[in-house]
N, C-alpha and C. Protein backbone atom coordinates (compact mmCIF):
# COMPACT_ATOMS: atom_id res chain seq x y z
N MET A 1 17.27 -43.93 91.73
CA MET A 1 15.91 -44.37 91.66
C MET A 1 15.45 -44.67 90.35
N MET A 2 15.88 -44.17 89.20
CA MET A 2 15.62 -44.54 88.00
C MET A 2 16.23 -46.05 87.68
N ILE A 3 17.43 -46.36 88.11
CA ILE A 3 18.25 -47.54 87.88
C ILE A 3 17.22 -48.64 88.63
N THR A 4 16.84 -48.23 89.82
CA THR A 4 15.90 -49.27 90.56
C THR A 4 14.60 -49.76 89.65
N LEU A 5 13.82 -48.61 89.11
CA LEU A 5 12.83 -48.87 88.27
C LEU A 5 13.08 -49.65 87.13
N LEU A 6 14.20 -49.34 86.44
CA LEU A 6 14.73 -49.98 85.18
C LEU A 6 14.86 -51.50 85.70
N ASN A 7 15.70 -51.81 86.75
CA ASN A 7 15.85 -53.21 87.15
C ASN A 7 14.45 -54.04 87.48
N LEU A 8 13.66 -53.10 87.97
CA LEU A 8 12.33 -53.98 88.35
C LEU A 8 11.57 -54.25 87.08
N ILE A 9 11.66 -53.36 86.06
CA ILE A 9 11.08 -53.82 84.66
C ILE A 9 11.86 -54.98 83.90
N ALA A 10 13.11 -54.93 84.07
CA ALA A 10 13.76 -55.85 83.26
C ALA A 10 13.81 -57.33 83.99
N ASP A 11 13.36 -57.23 85.28
CA ASP A 11 13.40 -58.45 86.13
C ASP A 11 12.31 -59.41 85.47
N LYS A 12 12.76 -60.67 85.26
CA LYS A 12 11.65 -61.70 84.54
C LYS A 12 11.47 -62.70 85.49
N LYS A 13 11.87 -62.57 86.81
CA LYS A 13 11.61 -63.69 87.72
C LYS A 13 10.16 -63.50 88.02
N GLY A 14 9.38 -64.84 88.35
CA GLY A 14 7.96 -64.86 88.54
C GLY A 14 7.09 -64.78 87.54
N ASN A 15 7.69 -64.59 86.01
CA ASN A 15 6.76 -64.51 84.89
C ASN A 15 6.01 -65.69 84.88
N GLY A 16 6.75 -67.04 84.85
CA GLY A 16 6.15 -68.26 84.49
C GLY A 16 5.00 -68.44 85.69
N ALA A 17 5.12 -68.04 86.80
CA ALA A 17 4.02 -68.21 87.90
C ALA A 17 2.83 -67.49 87.47
N VAL A 18 3.16 -66.24 86.99
CA VAL A 18 2.01 -65.47 86.62
C VAL A 18 1.20 -66.01 85.30
N GLU A 19 1.94 -66.51 84.56
CA GLU A 19 1.27 -67.20 83.29
C GLU A 19 0.42 -68.30 83.75
N TYR A 20 1.04 -69.21 84.39
CA TYR A 20 0.25 -70.52 84.96
C TYR A 20 -0.79 -69.97 86.04
N GLY A 21 -0.86 -69.07 86.71
CA GLY A 21 -1.97 -68.40 87.50
C GLY A 21 -3.13 -67.87 86.38
N LEU A 22 -2.91 -67.27 85.29
CA LEU A 22 -3.72 -66.88 84.40
C LEU A 22 -4.30 -67.88 83.64
N ILE A 23 -3.46 -69.13 83.12
CA ILE A 23 -3.89 -70.10 82.75
C ILE A 23 -4.85 -70.90 83.50
N ALA A 24 -4.68 -71.01 84.98
CA ALA A 24 -5.52 -71.77 85.90
C ALA A 24 -6.91 -70.98 85.90
N ALA A 25 -6.66 -69.59 86.08
CA ALA A 25 -7.94 -68.92 86.20
C ALA A 25 -8.80 -68.87 84.74
N VAL A 26 -8.35 -68.98 83.72
CA VAL A 26 -9.10 -69.11 82.30
C VAL A 26 -9.78 -70.58 82.42
N VAL A 27 -9.11 -71.54 82.85
CA VAL A 27 -9.56 -72.90 82.83
C VAL A 27 -10.73 -72.85 83.82
N GLY A 28 -10.57 -72.27 85.07
CA GLY A 28 -11.60 -72.35 86.16
C GLY A 28 -12.76 -71.56 85.51
N VAL A 29 -12.71 -70.38 85.14
CA VAL A 29 -13.82 -69.79 84.43
C VAL A 29 -14.59 -70.44 83.31
N SER A 30 -13.83 -71.12 82.46
CA SER A 30 -14.32 -72.02 81.38
C SER A 30 -15.23 -73.25 81.91
N LEU A 31 -14.69 -73.76 83.08
CA LEU A 31 -15.40 -74.95 83.57
C LEU A 31 -16.66 -74.54 84.33
N VAL A 32 -16.68 -73.24 84.93
CA VAL A 32 -17.79 -72.91 85.73
C VAL A 32 -18.84 -72.59 84.50
N GLY A 33 -18.42 -71.83 83.46
CA GLY A 33 -19.49 -71.38 82.57
C GLY A 33 -19.88 -72.78 81.60
N GLY A 34 -19.14 -73.86 81.48
CA GLY A 34 -19.50 -74.93 80.79
C GLY A 34 -20.51 -75.79 81.57
N LEU A 35 -20.26 -75.95 82.99
CA LEU A 35 -20.95 -76.84 83.88
C LEU A 35 -22.42 -75.96 83.95
N GLN A 36 -22.37 -74.65 83.95
CA GLN A 36 -23.75 -73.99 84.09
C GLN A 36 -24.55 -74.08 82.82
N LEU A 37 -24.05 -74.23 81.52
CA LEU A 37 -24.44 -74.54 80.46
C LEU A 37 -25.08 -75.78 80.32
N LEU A 38 -24.61 -76.84 80.90
CA LEU A 38 -24.94 -78.28 80.92
C LEU A 38 -25.91 -78.57 82.06
N GLU A 39 -26.19 -77.67 83.02
CA GLU A 39 -26.88 -77.77 84.23
C GLU A 39 -28.41 -78.29 83.71
N GLY A 40 -28.88 -77.47 82.81
CA GLY A 40 -30.34 -77.77 82.48
C GLY A 40 -30.64 -79.00 81.77
N GLY A 41 -29.84 -79.22 80.91
CA GLY A 41 -29.87 -80.41 80.02
C GLY A 41 -29.62 -81.80 81.06
N LEU A 42 -28.65 -81.62 81.83
CA LEU A 42 -28.43 -82.70 82.89
C LEU A 42 -29.36 -82.97 83.86
N THR A 43 -30.11 -81.84 84.28
CA THR A 43 -31.33 -82.10 85.38
C THR A 43 -32.38 -82.71 84.50
N GLY A 44 -32.69 -82.20 83.27
CA GLY A 44 -33.75 -82.86 82.43
C GLY A 44 -33.40 -84.35 82.39
N LEU A 45 -32.21 -84.65 81.78
CA LEU A 45 -31.82 -86.14 81.64
C LEU A 45 -32.09 -86.94 82.72
N LEU A 46 -31.63 -86.65 83.98
CA LEU A 46 -31.73 -87.30 85.16
C LEU A 46 -33.08 -87.50 85.59
N THR A 47 -33.98 -86.41 85.43
CA THR A 47 -35.24 -86.58 85.73
C THR A 47 -36.01 -87.67 84.90
N ASN A 48 -35.71 -87.44 83.59
CA ASN A 48 -36.35 -88.50 82.68
C ASN A 48 -35.93 -89.95 83.17
N ILE A 49 -34.57 -90.12 83.43
CA ILE A 49 -34.38 -91.50 83.82
C ILE A 49 -34.83 -91.74 85.09
N SER A 50 -35.09 -91.01 86.11
CA SER A 50 -35.75 -91.34 87.22
C SER A 50 -37.34 -91.69 87.07
N THR A 51 -37.74 -90.98 86.24
CA THR A 51 -39.26 -91.02 85.87
C THR A 51 -39.53 -92.40 85.29
N THR A 52 -38.52 -92.87 84.25
CA THR A 52 -38.61 -93.95 83.63
C THR A 52 -38.43 -95.22 84.48
N LEU A 53 -37.46 -95.12 85.26
CA LEU A 53 -37.06 -96.28 86.31
C LEU A 53 -38.08 -96.31 87.47
N ASN A 54 -38.89 -95.39 87.85
CA ASN A 54 -39.75 -95.28 88.88
C ASN A 54 -41.06 -94.81 88.60
N PRO A 55 -41.72 -95.59 87.66
CA PRO A 55 -43.13 -95.00 87.03
C PRO A 55 -44.14 -94.89 88.30
N ALA A 56 -44.87 -93.83 88.10
CA ALA A 56 -45.97 -93.49 89.18
C ALA A 56 -46.97 -94.45 89.12
N PRO A 57 -47.51 -94.92 90.50
CA PRO A 57 -48.55 -96.08 90.54
C PRO A 57 -49.87 -95.54 90.02
């Protein structure tokens, strides 16, 4: 039983996949956060462009 536990601890297979998964998760969370920060400014910019291109009669 102890040998099996030590073998599981020493096993390094799959470490790369876990690291890539963590990197992908961090990138995804960063993208979502960044896009939420840009949302207000982008909405205002597009509204300003729309108003400028289509002036009210």
